[in-house]
Amino acid sequence: MIDILIRKINPNSSTEIHLVAKRMSQTLDEVLQGSNDHPQYDMEWLINRVQQHTSGELQAQIYLASINEVIVGHTIVRIEDQKFGLFATTYVTPEFRNNSVASELIMQGERWILDQNLTLSKTYTDQQNFKLIKLFEKHGYNITHTIKQNNMLILSKALS
């Protein structure tokens, strides 16, 4: 069994902020490879987006997963419209996938959502992101909406 440490991002660490931004870009590249109809975000925009989630501008939290003091994954959760918690991004480096890292991140994110006094969790993803869909379905999420104009799905779960 691998010892996985889940902790909050250090909002004052430019290294951690840049790493999460880089991996957000890798997520988009991986999921939408070959697609010409997805937005291209430059690194400056991604860094700014991560900082919005750490500065208090958004009601949000970023959790990092570490193994042997090496950051191997992250998840970004935030509150949307004071109605539900949204997993905005979940990423694990390829060499540490299928080792419960993403599951630990999801469970921590769900605890955070419950701590915000909300009982509904969602994630949005591309219809072709079969790995993420399967992961969230394993955690009790169901496809609740299809957004045809941009090939997105919404997966939802009632938390308790």
N, C-alpha and C. Protein backbone atom coordinates (compact mmCIF):
# COMPACT_ATOMS: atom_id res chain seq x y z
N MET A 1 0.84 -1.19 0.00
CA MET A 1 0.00 0.00 0.00
C MET A 1 0.88 1.25 0.00
N ILE A 2 0.59 2.15 -0.88
CA ILE A 2 1.34 3.40 -1.00
C ILE A 2 0.80 4.39 0.02
N ASP A 3 1.71 5.09 0.71
CA ASP A 3 1.32 6.11 1.68
C ASP A 3 1.11 7.43 0.95
N ILE A 4 -0.16 7.86 0.88
CA ILE A 4 -0.53 9.08 0.15
C ILE A 4 -0.86 10.16 1.17
N LEU A 5 -0.21 11.30 1.05
CA LEU A 5 -0.49 12.45 1.91
C LEU A 5 -1.31 13.45 1.11
N ILE A 6 -2.48 13.82 1.63
CA ILE A 6 -3.31 14.85 1.00
C ILE A 6 -3.22 16.10 1.88
N ARG A 7 -2.91 17.23 1.25
CA ARG A 7 -2.82 18.49 2.00
C ARG A 7 -3.26 19.64 1.11
N LYS A 8 -3.55 20.76 1.76
CA LYS A 8 -3.92 21.97 1.03
C LYS A 8 -2.67 22.54 0.34
N ILE A 9 -2.90 23.17 -0.79
CA ILE A 9 -1.81 23.87 -1.48
C ILE A 9 -1.33 25.01 -0.58
N ASN A 10 -0.05 25.33 -0.68
CA ASN A 10 0.48 26.50 0.00
C ASN A 10 0.24 27.69 -0.93
N PRO A 11 -0.66 28.60 -0.58
CA PRO A 11 -0.99 29.71 -1.49
C PRO A 11 0.16 30.68 -1.71
N ASN A 12 1.20 30.58 -0.89
CA ASN A 12 2.37 31.44 -1.05
C ASN A 12 3.50 30.78 -1.81
N SER A 13 3.29 29.56 -2.26
CA SER A 13 4.32 28.82 -2.98
C SER A 13 4.13 28.95 -4.49
N SER A 14 4.97 29.74 -5.11
CA SER A 14 4.86 29.88 -6.57
C SER A 14 5.17 28.55 -7.26
N THR A 15 6.01 27.72 -6.64
CA THR A 15 6.33 26.41 -7.21
C THR A 15 5.08 25.55 -7.28
N GLU A 16 4.31 25.49 -6.20
CA GLU A 16 3.10 24.68 -6.20
C GLU A 16 2.04 25.25 -7.13
N ILE A 17 1.90 26.56 -7.16
CA ILE A 17 0.92 27.20 -8.05
C ILE A 17 1.27 26.92 -9.50
N HIS A 18 2.54 27.06 -9.86
CA HIS A 18 2.97 26.79 -11.24
C HIS A 18 2.79 25.31 -11.59
N LEU A 19 3.06 24.43 -10.65
CA LEU A 19 2.91 23.00 -10.92
C LEU A 19 1.45 22.65 -11.21
N VAL A 20 0.53 23.18 -10.41
CA VAL A 20 -0.90 22.91 -10.64
C VAL A 20 -1.32 23.50 -11.99
N ALA A 21 -0.87 24.70 -12.31
CA ALA A 21 -1.21 25.31 -13.60
C ALA A 21 -0.69 24.46 -14.76
N LYS A 22 0.54 23.99 -14.64
CA LYS A 22 1.12 23.15 -15.69
C LYS A 22 0.30 21.87 -15.87
N ARG A 23 -0.11 21.29 -14.76
CA ARG A 23 -0.87 20.04 -14.84
C ARG A 23 -2.30 20.27 -15.31
N MET A 24 -2.85 21.46 -15.09
CA MET A 24 -4.14 21.79 -15.69
C MET A 24 -4.02 21.78 -17.21
N SER A 25 -2.92 22.33 -17.71
CA SER A 25 -2.67 22.33 -19.14
C SER A 25 -2.50 20.89 -19.66
N GLN A 26 -1.77 20.07 -18.91
CA GLN A 26 -1.58 18.67 -19.31
C GLN A 26 -2.91 17.92 -19.34
N THR A 27 -3.79 18.23 -18.40
CA THR A 27 -5.11 17.59 -18.39
C THR A 27 -5.86 17.91 -19.67
N LEU A 28 -5.90 19.19 -20.04
CA LEU A 28 -6.59 19.58 -21.26
C LEU A 28 -5.97 18.90 -22.48
N ASP A 29 -4.65 18.89 -22.54
CA ASP A 29 -3.97 18.26 -23.68
C ASP A 29 -4.30 16.77 -23.76
N GLU A 30 -4.30 16.11 -22.62
CA GLU A 30 -4.54 14.67 -22.58
C GLU A 30 -5.97 14.32 -22.97
N VAL A 31 -6.92 15.05 -22.41
CA VAL A 31 -8.33 14.73 -22.64
C VAL A 31 -8.78 15.15 -24.03
N LEU A 32 -8.31 16.28 -24.48
CA LEU A 32 -8.83 16.84 -25.72
C LEU A 32 -7.85 16.74 -26.88
N GLN A 33 -6.89 15.82 -26.79
CA GLN A 33 -5.89 15.70 -27.85
C GLN A 33 -6.57 15.46 -29.19
N GLY A 34 -6.09 16.21 -30.16
CA GLY A 34 -6.63 16.07 -31.50
C GLY A 34 -7.88 16.89 -31.76
N SER A 35 -8.46 17.47 -30.73
CA SER A 35 -9.67 18.26 -30.91
C SER A 35 -9.28 19.71 -31.20
N ASN A 36 -9.90 20.28 -32.20
CA ASN A 36 -9.61 21.67 -32.55
C ASN A 36 -10.60 22.64 -31.92
N ASP A 37 -11.66 22.12 -31.26
CA ASP A 37 -12.67 23.02 -30.74
C ASP A 37 -12.59 23.19 -29.24
N HIS A 38 -11.39 23.09 -28.66
CA HIS A 38 -11.26 23.41 -27.24
C HIS A 38 -10.34 24.61 -27.10
N PRO A 39 -10.60 25.41 -26.07
CA PRO A 39 -9.80 26.62 -25.89
C PRO A 39 -8.36 26.29 -25.50
N GLN A 40 -7.45 27.10 -25.97
CA GLN A 40 -6.05 27.00 -25.59
C GLN A 40 -5.78 28.09 -24.56
N TYR A 41 -5.39 27.68 -23.38
CA TYR A 41 -5.09 28.64 -22.32
C TYR A 41 -3.59 28.77 -22.18
N ASP A 42 -3.10 30.00 -22.14
CA ASP A 42 -1.67 30.16 -21.94
C ASP A 42 -1.34 30.02 -20.46
N MET A 43 -0.07 29.83 -20.17
CA MET A 43 0.36 29.56 -18.80
C MET A 43 0.01 30.71 -17.86
N GLU A 44 0.11 31.93 -18.32
CA GLU A 44 -0.23 33.08 -17.47
C GLU A 44 -1.68 33.01 -17.02
N TRP A 45 -2.59 32.68 -17.94
CA TRP A 45 -4.01 32.56 -17.60
C TRP A 45 -4.21 31.44 -16.58
N LEU A 46 -3.55 30.29 -16.79
CA LEU A 46 -3.70 29.15 -15.89
C LEU A 46 -3.17 29.48 -14.49
N ILE A 47 -2.03 30.14 -14.42
CA ILE A 47 -1.48 30.54 -13.12
C ILE A 47 -2.45 31.48 -12.40
N ASN A 48 -2.99 32.45 -13.13
CA ASN A 48 -3.96 33.37 -12.56
C ASN A 48 -5.19 32.61 -12.06
N ARG A 49 -5.62 31.61 -12.82
CA ARG A 49 -6.80 30.82 -12.42
C ARG A 49 -6.53 30.05 -11.12
N VAL A 50 -5.35 29.46 -11.01
CA VAL A 50 -4.99 28.78 -9.77
C VAL A 50 -4.99 29.77 -8.61
N GLN A 51 -4.41 30.94 -8.82
CA GLN A 51 -4.35 31.95 -7.76
C GLN A 51 -5.73 32.41 -7.34
N GLN A 52 -6.69 32.46 -8.26
CA GLN A 52 -8.06 32.81 -7.89
C GLN A 52 -8.63 31.80 -6.90
N HIS A 53 -8.20 30.55 -7.03
CA HIS A 53 -8.69 29.49 -6.14
C HIS A 53 -7.96 29.47 -4.80
N THR A 54 -6.88 30.20 -4.68
CA THR A 54 -6.12 30.22 -3.42
C THR A 54 -6.21 31.55 -2.69
N SER A 55 -6.66 32.58 -3.37
CA SER A 55 -6.61 33.94 -2.81
C SER A 55 -7.82 34.33 -1.98
N GLY A 56 -8.87 33.55 -2.03
CA GLY A 56 -10.11 33.94 -1.38
C GLY A 56 -11.08 34.60 -2.34
N GLU A 57 -10.62 34.86 -3.57
CA GLU A 57 -11.50 35.44 -4.59
C GLU A 57 -12.67 34.50 -4.88
N LEU A 58 -12.39 33.21 -4.87
CA LEU A 58 -13.42 32.18 -5.03
C LEU A 58 -13.49 31.38 -3.73
N GLN A 59 -14.65 30.87 -3.41
CA GLN A 59 -14.77 29.97 -2.27
C GLN A 59 -14.31 28.61 -2.78
N ALA A 60 -13.03 28.30 -2.51
CA ALA A 60 -12.41 27.15 -3.16
C ALA A 60 -11.27 26.60 -2.31
N GLN A 61 -10.84 25.42 -2.70
CA GLN A 61 -9.68 24.79 -2.09
C GLN A 61 -8.97 23.93 -3.13
N ILE A 62 -7.66 23.93 -3.06
CA ILE A 62 -6.85 23.05 -3.89
C ILE A 62 -6.13 22.09 -2.97
N TYR A 63 -6.28 20.80 -3.26
CA TYR A 63 -5.61 19.77 -2.48
C TYR A 63 -4.54 19.12 -3.35
N LEU A 64 -3.40 18.88 -2.72
CA LEU A 64 -2.29 18.21 -3.37
C LEU A 64 -2.12 16.82 -2.78
N ALA A 65 -1.76 15.87 -3.63
CA ALA A 65 -1.45 14.52 -3.18
C ALA A 65 0.04 14.30 -3.35
N SER A 66 0.68 13.83 -2.28
CA SER A 66 2.12 13.57 -2.31
C SER A 66 2.40 12.13 -1.92
N ILE A 67 3.40 11.59 -2.55
CA ILE A 67 3.94 10.28 -2.19
C ILE A 67 5.44 10.48 -2.04
N ASN A 68 5.95 10.12 -0.87
CA ASN A 68 7.38 10.32 -0.58
C ASN A 68 7.82 11.76 -0.86
N GLU A 69 6.96 12.70 -0.44
CA GLU A 69 7.22 14.14 -0.54
C GLU A 69 7.25 14.66 -1.97
N VAL A 70 6.80 13.87 -2.93
CA VAL A 70 6.70 14.30 -4.33
C VAL A 70 5.23 14.51 -4.65
N ILE A 71 4.88 15.69 -5.17
CA ILE A 71 3.49 15.97 -5.52
C ILE A 71 3.15 15.19 -6.78
N VAL A 72 2.15 14.30 -6.65
CA VAL A 72 1.78 13.42 -7.76
C VAL A 72 0.38 13.69 -8.27
N GLY A 73 -0.36 14.60 -7.63
CA GLY A 73 -1.70 14.89 -8.10
C GLY A 73 -2.30 16.08 -7.38
N HIS A 74 -3.42 16.53 -7.91
CA HIS A 74 -4.15 17.62 -7.28
C HIS A 74 -5.62 17.54 -7.64
N THR A 75 -6.43 18.19 -6.85
CA THR A 75 -7.82 18.46 -7.23
C THR A 75 -8.17 19.87 -6.81
N ILE A 76 -9.00 20.50 -7.60
CA ILE A 76 -9.48 21.85 -7.32
C ILE A 76 -10.99 21.73 -7.11
N VAL A 77 -11.47 22.17 -5.96
CA VAL A 77 -12.90 22.18 -5.68
C VAL A 77 -13.31 23.60 -5.32
N ARG A 78 -14.51 23.96 -5.74
CA ARG A 78 -15.01 25.29 -5.42
C ARG A 78 -16.53 25.23 -5.30
N ILE A 79 -17.07 26.26 -4.70
CA ILE A 79 -18.51 26.38 -4.54
C ILE A 79 -19.06 27.18 -5.71
N GLU A 80 -20.11 26.66 -6.31
CA GLU A 80 -20.77 27.32 -7.44
C GLU A 80 -22.15 27.81 -7.01
N ASP A 81 -22.38 29.10 -7.14
CA ASP A 81 -23.69 29.70 -6.88
C ASP A 81 -24.25 29.38 -5.50
N GLN A 82 -23.38 29.07 -4.54
CA GLN A 82 -23.80 28.69 -3.18
C GLN A 82 -24.76 27.51 -3.19
N LYS A 83 -24.73 26.70 -4.29
CA LYS A 83 -25.66 25.59 -4.43
C LYS A 83 -24.98 24.22 -4.41
N PHE A 84 -23.76 24.15 -4.93
CA PHE A 84 -23.09 22.86 -5.01
C PHE A 84 -21.58 23.04 -5.06
N GLY A 85 -20.89 21.96 -4.74
CA GLY A 85 -19.44 21.94 -4.86
C GLY A 85 -19.07 21.37 -6.22
N LEU A 86 -18.08 21.98 -6.83
CA LEU A 86 -17.65 21.57 -8.17
C LEU A 86 -16.19 21.13 -8.15
N PHE A 87 -15.94 19.92 -8.61
CA PHE A 87 -14.58 19.48 -8.86
C PHE A 87 -14.19 20.07 -10.21
N ALA A 88 -13.36 21.11 -10.19
CA ALA A 88 -12.99 21.80 -11.42
C ALA A 88 -11.90 21.04 -12.17
N THR A 89 -10.97 20.46 -11.45
CA THR A 89 -9.87 19.70 -12.05
C THR A 89 -9.43 18.62 -11.08
N THR A 90 -9.17 17.46 -11.61
CA THR A 90 -8.54 16.39 -10.84
C THR A 90 -7.48 15.78 -11.75
N TYR A 91 -6.24 15.73 -11.25
CA TYR A 91 -5.13 15.25 -12.07
C TYR A 91 -4.18 14.42 -11.21
N VAL A 92 -3.74 13.30 -11.78
CA VAL A 92 -2.70 12.47 -11.17
C VAL A 92 -1.69 12.14 -12.27
N THR A 93 -0.41 12.24 -11.94
CA THR A 93 0.62 11.92 -12.93
C THR A 93 0.44 10.48 -13.39
N PRO A 94 0.70 10.22 -14.66
CA PRO A 94 0.44 8.89 -15.22
C PRO A 94 1.06 7.73 -14.44
N GLU A 95 2.26 7.91 -13.93
CA GLU A 95 2.94 6.80 -13.24
C GLU A 95 2.31 6.46 -11.89
N PHE A 96 1.44 7.33 -11.36
CA PHE A 96 0.80 7.05 -10.08
C PHE A 96 -0.71 6.83 -10.20
N ARG A 97 -1.20 6.70 -11.42
CA ARG A 97 -2.62 6.40 -11.60
C ARG A 97 -2.87 4.94 -11.20
N ASN A 98 -4.09 4.66 -10.85
CA ASN A 98 -4.51 3.32 -10.40
C ASN A 98 -3.85 2.93 -9.08
N ASN A 99 -3.52 3.92 -8.26
CA ASN A 99 -2.96 3.68 -6.93
C ASN A 99 -3.77 4.39 -5.85
N SER A 100 -5.01 4.69 -6.13
CA SER A 100 -5.95 5.33 -5.19
C SER A 100 -5.67 6.81 -4.95
N VAL A 101 -4.75 7.41 -5.67
CA VAL A 101 -4.45 8.83 -5.46
C VAL A 101 -5.66 9.69 -5.80
N ALA A 102 -6.26 9.49 -6.97
CA ALA A 102 -7.43 10.29 -7.36
C ALA A 102 -8.60 10.04 -6.40
N SER A 103 -8.76 8.81 -5.98
CA SER A 103 -9.85 8.50 -5.03
C SER A 103 -9.66 9.26 -3.73
N GLU A 104 -8.44 9.31 -3.23
CA GLU A 104 -8.16 10.06 -1.99
C GLU A 104 -8.44 11.55 -2.19
N LEU A 105 -8.08 12.08 -3.35
CA LEU A 105 -8.35 13.49 -3.63
C LEU A 105 -9.85 13.76 -3.69
N ILE A 106 -10.59 12.88 -4.34
CA ILE A 106 -12.04 13.05 -4.43
C ILE A 106 -12.67 13.00 -3.04
N MET A 107 -12.29 12.04 -2.24
CA MET A 107 -12.86 11.93 -0.90
C MET A 107 -12.56 13.17 -0.06
N GLN A 108 -11.34 13.72 -0.18
CA GLN A 108 -11.01 14.94 0.55
C GLN A 108 -11.82 16.11 0.04
N GLY A 109 -11.98 16.21 -1.27
CA GLY A 109 -12.79 17.28 -1.85
C GLY A 109 -14.24 17.20 -1.40
N GLU A 110 -14.77 15.99 -1.33
CA GLU A 110 -16.15 15.82 -0.86
C GLU A 110 -16.28 16.23 0.61
N ARG A 111 -15.29 15.90 1.43
CA ARG A 111 -15.33 16.34 2.83
C ARG A 111 -15.34 17.87 2.91
N TRP A 112 -14.53 18.51 2.07
CA TRP A 112 -14.48 19.97 2.07
C TRP A 112 -15.84 20.54 1.67
N ILE A 113 -16.48 19.97 0.65
CA ILE A 113 -17.80 20.44 0.22
C ILE A 113 -18.80 20.31 1.36
N LEU A 114 -18.79 19.18 2.03
CA LEU A 114 -19.69 18.99 3.19
C LEU A 114 -19.39 20.01 4.29
N ASP A 115 -18.11 20.33 4.49
CA ASP A 115 -17.73 21.34 5.49
C ASP A 115 -18.25 22.72 5.13
N GLN A 116 -18.58 22.93 3.86
CA GLN A 116 -19.15 24.21 3.40
C GLN A 116 -20.68 24.19 3.53
N ASN A 117 -21.19 23.14 4.17
CA ASN A 117 -22.64 22.97 4.38
C ASN A 117 -23.42 22.76 3.09
N LEU A 118 -22.79 22.10 2.14
CA LEU A 118 -23.47 21.74 0.89
C LEU A 118 -23.50 20.22 0.77
N THR A 119 -24.51 19.72 0.10
CA THR A 119 -24.66 18.27 -0.01
C THR A 119 -24.76 17.80 -1.45
N LEU A 120 -24.38 18.64 -2.39
CA LEU A 120 -24.38 18.25 -3.79
C LEU A 120 -23.00 18.53 -4.38
N SER A 121 -22.47 17.54 -5.07
CA SER A 121 -21.16 17.66 -5.71
C SER A 121 -21.31 17.36 -7.19
N LYS A 122 -20.56 18.09 -8.01
CA LYS A 122 -20.60 17.89 -9.46
C LYS A 122 -19.20 17.98 -10.05
N THR A 123 -19.07 17.45 -11.24
CA THR A 123 -17.91 17.71 -12.07
C THR A 123 -18.38 17.79 -13.50
N TYR A 124 -17.72 18.60 -14.30
CA TYR A 124 -18.01 18.71 -15.73
C TYR A 124 -16.83 18.11 -16.46
N THR A 125 -17.10 17.38 -17.52
CA THR A 125 -16.01 16.82 -18.29
C THR A 125 -16.43 16.59 -19.73
N ASP A 126 -15.45 16.45 -20.58
CA ASP A 126 -15.69 16.12 -21.98
C ASP A 126 -16.28 14.71 -22.07
N GLN A 127 -17.17 14.50 -23.01
CA GLN A 127 -17.81 13.19 -23.19
C GLN A 127 -16.80 12.09 -23.50
N GLN A 128 -15.63 12.46 -23.98
CA GLN A 128 -14.60 11.48 -24.33
C GLN A 128 -13.64 11.19 -23.18
N ASN A 129 -13.83 11.83 -22.04
CA ASN A 129 -12.92 11.64 -20.90
C ASN A 129 -13.38 10.41 -20.10
N PHE A 130 -13.26 9.26 -20.74
CA PHE A 130 -13.79 8.01 -20.18
C PHE A 130 -13.14 7.64 -18.84
N LYS A 131 -11.85 7.94 -18.68
CA LYS A 131 -11.18 7.60 -17.43
C LYS A 131 -11.76 8.38 -16.26
N LEU A 132 -11.99 9.68 -16.45
CA LEU A 132 -12.54 10.50 -15.37
C LEU A 132 -13.99 10.10 -15.10
N ILE A 133 -14.75 9.85 -16.15
CA ILE A 133 -16.14 9.43 -15.97
C ILE A 133 -16.19 8.15 -15.15
N LYS A 134 -15.38 7.17 -15.50
CA LYS A 134 -15.35 5.91 -14.77
C LYS A 134 -14.93 6.13 -13.31
N LEU A 135 -13.93 6.97 -13.09
CA LEU A 135 -13.47 7.26 -11.73
C LEU A 135 -14.59 7.85 -10.88
N PHE A 136 -15.27 8.87 -11.39
CA PHE A 136 -16.32 9.51 -10.60
C PHE A 136 -17.52 8.58 -10.44
N GLU A 137 -17.84 7.79 -11.45
CA GLU A 137 -18.93 6.82 -11.30
C GLU A 137 -18.60 5.81 -10.20
N LYS A 138 -17.33 5.43 -10.10
CA LYS A 138 -16.91 4.53 -9.02
C LYS A 138 -17.19 5.13 -7.65
N HIS A 139 -17.20 6.45 -7.57
CA HIS A 139 -17.46 7.15 -6.31
C HIS A 139 -18.92 7.56 -6.16
N GLY A 140 -19.80 7.00 -6.99
CA GLY A 140 -21.23 7.23 -6.82
C GLY A 140 -21.82 8.36 -7.64
N TYR A 141 -21.05 8.94 -8.54
CA TYR A 141 -21.56 10.01 -9.39
C TYR A 141 -22.31 9.41 -10.57
N ASN A 142 -23.32 10.13 -11.03
CA ASN A 142 -24.10 9.73 -12.20
C ASN A 142 -24.12 10.87 -13.20
N ILE A 143 -24.20 10.51 -14.46
CA ILE A 143 -24.34 11.54 -15.50
C ILE A 143 -25.74 12.11 -15.38
N THR A 144 -25.81 13.41 -15.13
CA THR A 144 -27.11 14.05 -14.93
C THR A 144 -27.50 15.00 -16.05
N HIS A 145 -26.53 15.46 -16.82
CA HIS A 145 -26.82 16.36 -17.94
C HIS A 145 -25.80 16.14 -19.06
N THR A 146 -26.24 16.36 -20.26
CA THR A 146 -25.36 16.37 -21.43
C THR A 146 -25.49 17.75 -22.06
N ILE A 147 -24.36 18.39 -22.31
CA ILE A 147 -24.35 19.70 -22.96
C ILE A 147 -23.84 19.47 -24.38
N LYS A 148 -24.77 19.33 -25.30
CA LYS A 148 -24.43 18.91 -26.67
C LYS A 148 -23.55 19.90 -27.43
N GLN A 149 -23.78 21.21 -27.20
CA GLN A 149 -23.05 22.20 -28.00
C GLN A 149 -21.54 22.17 -27.77
N ASN A 150 -21.08 21.65 -26.62
CA ASN A 150 -19.63 21.56 -26.42
C ASN A 150 -19.20 20.17 -25.95
N ASN A 151 -20.05 19.16 -26.19
CA ASN A 151 -19.71 17.77 -25.90
C ASN A 151 -19.32 17.53 -24.45
N MET A 152 -19.97 18.21 -23.53
CA MET A 152 -19.66 18.07 -22.11
C MET A 152 -20.74 17.26 -21.39
N LEU A 153 -20.32 16.63 -20.32
CA LEU A 153 -21.22 15.93 -19.42
C LEU A 153 -21.13 16.55 -18.04
N ILE A 154 -22.21 16.48 -17.30
CA ILE A 154 -22.21 16.86 -15.89
C ILE A 154 -22.48 15.58 -15.10
N LEU A 155 -21.57 15.27 -14.19
CA LEU A 155 -21.76 14.15 -13.28
C LEU A 155 -22.05 14.73 -11.90
N SER A 156 -23.04 14.15 -11.20
CA SER A 156 -23.48 14.69 -9.93
C SER A 156 -23.61 13.59 -8.90
N LYS A 157 -23.50 14.01 -7.61
CA LYS A 157 -23.66 13.08 -6.50
C LYS A 157 -24.20 13.85 -5.30
N ALA A 158 -25.20 13.26 -4.64
CA ALA A 158 -25.68 13.79 -3.38
C ALA A 158 -24.73 13.30 -2.29
N LEU A 159 -24.21 14.22 -1.50
CA LEU A 159 -23.29 13.87 -0.41
C LEU A 159 -24.04 13.78 0.91
N SER A 160 -23.55 12.94 1.80
CA SER A 160 -24.17 12.85 3.12
C SER A 160 -23.10 12.68 4.18
